Amino acid sequence: MRLIFLGDVVGKPGRLALYRAVPELRAQYAPALIIVNGENAAGGRGITPWLCEEFFTNGVDVITLGDHTWDQRELTPWINSEPRVLRPFNLQTGTPGNGSVLIDTAEGKIGVISLCGRTFMAPGPENPFTAGLAEARRLRDAGAIAVLVDIHGEATSEKIAMAHCLDGTASAVLGTHTHVQTADARILPNGTAAMTDVGMCGPRDAIIGRDVAAVLQGCLSAMPCKYPVGDWPARVSGAVIDIDPTTGKALSIQAINLDYDR
């Protein structure tokens, strides 16, 4: 069983590059699912219902989110209607939407969980460790052959700790939010694939997806500035994970990086 997970989609360049990458990735890897973090798809902040539908039309199977989930107000009344769009699972009880989903595929049931870290993140969610471990176990008990977890967090230590916490329960624990791909893709001792951050889908020659000149102006002036999304070329980053369908343990994890011009 093979899964593909792609990092935070940033603005229009990230979206258009993603739509070009998905059919190529399907042809090359034949994954059971393609999961994408859509956290920054709408102008760099959040996602809208129509963009979610556009993701699905272009071959994405599940969308995870993060701390910018509610930045586009129209998502709130809509999110309950689409179980494949996941806000962080560890938000307080009663929050709209779902934080996990169990998907039936031709290769069996696959669980996906979206979690948000607490270190340097606002608003402060509930404990992602206790919530994530309990939900991964529940999905396994519900018949999931594999469970993939998106841990959306600022601190590398927290994301690494989450991977070890879920080692042997989740098939893969993959980090998002910082937009910079880390070089630590590995299989943990009990069979969980881990990567501290899979990177982003967005402007490559930018500052985590934002226009370089605007960000530097803010750095040099120490004054409030707007940081528009950068321009082309764009990079699509993520990971492809192979999983043993009999045990749910990861067999391999490989980084993905694809570059596209306008």
Protein backbone atom coordinates (compact mmCIF):
# COMPACT_ATOMS: atom_id res chain seq x y z
CA MET A 1 0.00 0.00 0.00
CA ARG A 2 1.34 3.40 -0.97
CA LEU A 3 0.33 6.84 0.32
CA ILE A 4 1.40 10.29 -0.84
CA PHE A 5 1.29 13.29 1.47
CA LEU A 6 2.00 16.81 0.20
CA GLY A 7 2.77 19.85 2.34
CA ASP A 8 1.02 23.18 2.85
CA VAL A 9 -0.37 24.60 -0.41
CA VAL A 10 0.46 28.31 -0.58
CA GLY A 11 -1.62 30.59 -2.81
CA LYS A 12 -2.33 30.35 -6.53
CA PRO A 13 1.14 29.21 -7.63
CA GLY A 14 0.95 26.38 -5.09
CA ARG A 15 -2.51 25.35 -6.23
CA LEU A 16 -1.68 25.34 -9.94
CA ALA A 17 1.57 23.45 -9.38
CA LEU A 18 -0.31 20.92 -7.24
CA TYR A 19 -2.86 20.32 -10.00
CA ARG A 20 -0.03 19.60 -12.42
CA ALA A 21 1.79 17.34 -9.98
CA VAL A 22 -1.09 15.10 -8.88
CA PRO A 23 -1.62 13.27 -12.20
CA GLU A 24 2.15 12.84 -12.57
CA LEU A 25 2.42 11.39 -9.07
CA ARG A 26 -0.52 9.05 -9.67
CA ALA A 27 1.06 7.80 -12.89
CA GLN A 28 4.48 7.29 -11.29
CA TYR A 29 3.52 5.85 -7.89
CA ALA A 30 -0.09 4.57 -8.16
CA PRO A 31 -0.94 5.57 -4.56
CA ALA A 32 -4.04 4.40 -2.73
CA LEU A 33 -4.55 7.96 -1.47
CA ILE A 34 -3.13 11.44 -2.01
CA ILE A 35 -3.46 13.62 1.09
CA VAL A 36 -2.68 17.33 0.93
CA ASN A 37 -2.44 20.04 3.58
CA GLY A 38 -4.54 22.93 2.24
CA GLU A 39 -3.72 25.29 5.11
CA ASN A 40 -2.62 28.30 3.03
CA ALA A 41 -4.39 27.71 -0.28
CA ALA A 42 -6.57 30.85 -0.29
CA GLY A 43 -4.18 33.72 -0.84
CA GLY A 44 -1.81 32.26 1.73
CA ARG A 45 -4.35 32.04 4.59
CA GLY A 46 -6.86 29.21 5.00
CA ILE A 47 -9.02 27.59 2.37
CA THR A 48 -12.52 28.10 0.96
CA PRO A 49 -15.20 25.51 0.13
CA TRP A 50 -14.82 26.09 -3.60
CA LEU A 51 -11.06 25.56 -3.36
CA CYS A 52 -11.66 22.31 -1.48
CA GLU A 53 -13.91 21.18 -4.33
CA GLU A 54 -11.23 22.25 -6.82
CA PHE A 55 -8.66 20.14 -4.95
CA PHE A 56 -10.94 17.09 -5.16
CA THR A 57 -11.70 17.69 -8.85
CA ASN A 58 -7.96 17.70 -9.50
CA GLY A 59 -7.34 14.35 -7.84
CA VAL A 60 -6.74 15.07 -4.15
CA ASP A 61 -8.41 12.54 -1.83
CA VAL A 62 -8.16 14.15 1.63
CA ILE A 63 -7.36 17.71 2.77
CA THR A 64 -5.82 18.44 6.17
CA LEU A 65 -5.66 21.89 7.74
CA GLY A 66 -4.04 23.65 10.71
CA ASP A 67 -3.94 26.92 12.63
CA HIS A 68 -5.39 28.90 9.69
CA THR A 69 -8.45 26.65 9.39
CA TRP A 70 -10.95 29.43 10.17
CA ASP A 71 -9.29 32.30 8.29
CA GLN A 72 -11.84 32.08 5.46
CA ARG A 73 -15.20 32.58 7.13
CA GLU A 74 -17.24 30.67 4.56
CA LEU A 75 -15.52 27.42 5.55
CA THR A 76 -17.12 27.30 9.00
CA PRO A 77 -20.77 26.70 7.98
CA TRP A 78 -19.68 24.32 5.19
CA ILE A 79 -17.07 22.08 6.79
CA ASN A 80 -19.54 19.70 8.46
CA SER A 81 -20.80 18.69 5.01
CA GLU A 82 -17.42 17.37 3.78
CA PRO A 83 -15.78 14.65 5.89
CA ARG A 84 -12.68 14.62 3.68
CA VAL A 85 -11.69 18.13 4.83
CA LEU A 86 -10.05 17.79 8.25
CA ARG A 87 -9.56 20.59 10.74
CA PRO A 88 -7.22 19.70 13.63
CA PHE A 89 -8.67 16.82 15.62
CA ASN A 90 -7.52 18.22 18.95
CA LEU A 91 -9.63 21.38 18.90
CA GLN A 92 -12.09 21.65 21.76
CA THR A 93 -15.26 19.56 21.80
CA GLY A 94 -18.05 21.11 19.76
CA THR A 95 -15.81 22.70 17.13
CA PRO A 96 -17.34 22.36 13.64
CA GLY A 97 -15.99 19.74 11.28
CA ASN A 98 -14.06 16.51 11.67
CA GLY A 99 -10.45 15.93 12.64
CA SER A 100 -10.13 12.42 11.23
CA VAL A 101 -11.59 10.27 8.51
CA LEU A 102 -11.66 6.59 7.55
CA ILE A 103 -11.50 6.16 3.78
CA ASP A 104 -12.43 2.98 1.92
CA THR A 105 -9.99 2.30 -0.92
CA ALA A 106 -9.46 -0.61 -3.29
CA GLU A 107 -6.60 -1.68 -1.01
CA GLY A 108 -8.51 -1.42 2.26
CA LYS A 109 -9.47 1.20 4.84
CA ILE A 110 -7.06 4.06 5.51
CA GLY A 111 -7.33 6.48 8.40
CA VAL A 112 -6.13 10.08 8.27
CA ILE A 113 -5.79 12.36 11.31
CA SER A 114 -5.07 16.09 11.38
CA LEU A 115 -3.41 17.36 14.58
CA CYS A 116 -2.18 20.79 15.63
CA GLY A 117 0.76 21.28 17.96
CA ARG A 118 0.65 23.55 21.01
CA THR A 119 4.20 24.95 21.21
CA PHE A 120 4.29 28.53 19.82
CA MET A 121 0.86 27.95 18.23
CA ALA A 122 -2.33 29.94 18.76
CA PRO A 123 -5.09 29.45 19.59
CA GLY A 124 -4.00 26.78 22.01
CA PRO A 125 -5.58 23.44 21.10
CA GLU A 126 -6.12 20.48 23.39
CA ASN A 127 -3.30 18.00 24.05
CA PRO A 128 -2.37 16.53 20.63
CA PHE A 129 -0.50 13.59 22.18
CA THR A 130 -3.35 12.10 24.17
CA ALA A 131 -5.93 12.98 21.51
CA GLY A 132 -3.84 11.67 18.61
CA LEU A 133 -2.90 8.41 20.28
CA ALA A 134 -6.50 7.65 21.25
CA GLU A 135 -7.81 8.46 17.77
CA ALA A 136 -5.14 6.44 15.97
CA ARG A 137 -6.05 3.45 18.15
CA ARG A 138 -9.76 3.99 17.44
CA LEU A 139 -9.18 4.05 13.69
CA ARG A 140 -7.13 0.85 13.92
CA ASP A 141 -9.95 -0.80 15.88
CA ALA A 142 -12.39 0.42 13.21
CA GLY A 143 -10.47 -1.54 10.56
CA ALA A 144 -7.86 0.90 9.25
CA ILE A 145 -4.98 -0.97 7.64
CA ALA A 146 -2.90 2.21 7.70
CA VAL A 147 -3.15 5.48 9.64
CA LEU A 148 -1.45 8.67 8.46
CA VAL A 149 -1.10 11.63 10.84
CA ASP A 150 -0.42 15.25 9.85
CA ILE A 151 1.11 17.04 12.85
CA HIS A 152 0.88 20.76 12.09
CA GLY A 153 3.35 22.46 14.39
CA GLU A 154 6.00 25.11 14.84
CA ALA A 155 8.48 23.25 17.06
CA THR A 156 10.58 20.47 15.56
CA SER A 157 10.90 18.85 18.98
CA GLU A 158 7.13 18.59 19.38
CA LYS A 159 6.68 17.02 15.95
CA ILE A 160 9.47 14.52 16.57
CA ALA A 161 7.97 13.69 19.96
CA MET A 162 4.59 13.07 18.29
CA ALA A 163 6.18 10.62 15.86
CA HIS A 164 7.71 8.65 18.73
CA CYS A 165 4.46 8.79 20.70
CA LEU A 166 2.60 7.19 17.78
CA ASP A 167 5.41 4.83 16.73
CA GLY A 168 3.85 1.43 16.13
CA THR A 169 0.27 2.79 16.17
CA ALA A 170 0.31 5.15 13.19
CA SER A 171 1.84 4.11 9.87
CA ALA A 172 3.21 7.61 9.23
CA VAL A 173 3.54 10.81 11.25
CA LEU A 174 4.43 13.74 8.99
CA GLY A 175 4.95 17.37 9.94
CA THR A 176 3.63 20.52 8.29
CA HIS A 177 3.43 24.29 8.99
CA THR A 178 7.05 25.47 8.77
CA HIS A 179 7.12 25.07 4.94
CA VAL A 180 10.75 23.90 4.86
CA GLN A 181 11.38 20.25 4.05
CA THR A 182 13.56 18.48 6.60
CA ALA A 183 16.16 15.85 5.73
CA ASP A 184 15.16 13.33 8.41
CA ALA A 185 12.75 10.98 6.60
CA ARG A 186 13.10 7.64 8.40
CA ILE A 187 11.36 4.56 9.80
CA LEU A 188 11.14 4.55 13.60
CA PRO A 189 11.90 1.37 15.62
CA ASN A 190 8.29 0.17 15.78
CA GLY A 191 7.52 0.73 12.11
CA THR A 192 6.20 4.29 11.80
CA ALA A 193 7.46 6.50 8.95
CA ALA A 194 8.40 9.96 10.21
CA MET A 195 9.45 13.28 8.74
CA THR A 196 9.59 16.48 10.78
CA ASP A 197 8.31 18.65 7.93
CA VAL A 198 7.42 17.58 4.40
CA GLY A 199 7.76 21.10 2.99
CA MET A 200 5.21 23.12 1.05
CA CYS A 201 3.57 23.41 -2.35
CA GLY A 202 4.17 27.00 -3.37
CA PRO A 203 6.60 29.65 -4.65
CA ARG A 204 10.09 28.16 -4.56
CA ASP A 205 12.23 31.31 -4.63
CA ALA A 206 10.36 32.98 -1.81
CA ILE A 207 10.44 33.16 1.98
CA ILE A 208 8.25 30.24 3.06
CA GLY A 209 5.94 31.14 0.18
CA ARG A 210 5.88 34.92 0.65
CA ASP A 211 7.32 37.63 -1.59
CA VAL A 212 11.00 38.16 -0.77
CA ALA A 213 11.07 41.95 -1.14
CA ALA A 214 8.03 42.41 1.11
CA VAL A 215 9.40 40.16 3.84
CA LEU A 216 12.81 41.83 3.76
CA GLN A 217 11.16 45.24 3.99
CA GLY A 218 9.49 44.12 7.17
CA CYS A 219 12.75 42.72 8.52
CA LEU A 220 14.73 45.88 7.72
CA SER A 221 12.14 48.44 8.83
CA ALA A 222 10.68 46.60 11.83
CA MET A 223 7.33 48.07 10.75
CA PRO A 224 4.08 46.22 9.98
CA CYS A 225 3.99 45.04 6.37
CA LYS A 226 1.78 42.95 4.16
CA TYR A 227 3.41 39.75 2.94
CA PRO A 228 1.83 38.75 -0.38
CA VAL A 229 2.30 35.28 -1.81
CA GLY A 230 5.39 34.96 -3.98
CA ASP A 231 5.48 34.16 -7.69
CA TRP A 232 6.68 31.36 -9.94
CA PRO A 233 8.54 29.02 -10.20
CA ALA A 234 6.70 26.77 -7.76
CA ARG A 235 7.77 23.63 -5.94
CA VAL A 236 5.57 20.69 -4.87
CA SER A 237 7.03 18.97 -1.81
CA GLY A 238 5.93 16.00 0.25
CA ALA A 239 6.61 12.34 0.81
CA VAL A 240 5.65 8.95 -0.57
CA ILE A 241 5.28 6.14 1.96
CA ASP A 242 5.09 2.40 1.30
CA ILE A 243 3.19 0.41 3.94
CA ASP A 244 2.92 -3.32 4.59
CA PRO A 245 -0.81 -4.05 4.16
CA THR A 246 -0.68 -6.98 6.56
CA THR A 247 0.90 -5.12 9.50
CA GLY A 248 0.27 -1.44 8.77
CA LYS A 249 3.96 -0.74 9.35
CA ALA A 250 5.91 1.51 7.01
CA LEU A 251 8.41 -0.12 4.68
CA SER A 252 9.92 3.05 3.21
CA ILE A 253 9.57 6.82 3.03
CA GLN A 254 10.95 9.01 0.28
CA ALA A 255 10.89 12.80 -0.11
CA ILE A 256 9.11 14.38 -3.10
CA ASN A 257 10.24 17.62 -4.74
CA LEU A 258 8.88 18.70 -8.13
CA ASP A 259 9.54 22.12 -9.69
CA TYR A 260 7.25 23.89 -12.16
CA ASP A 261 7.51 27.08 -14.18
CA ARG A 262 4.46 29.18 -14.91
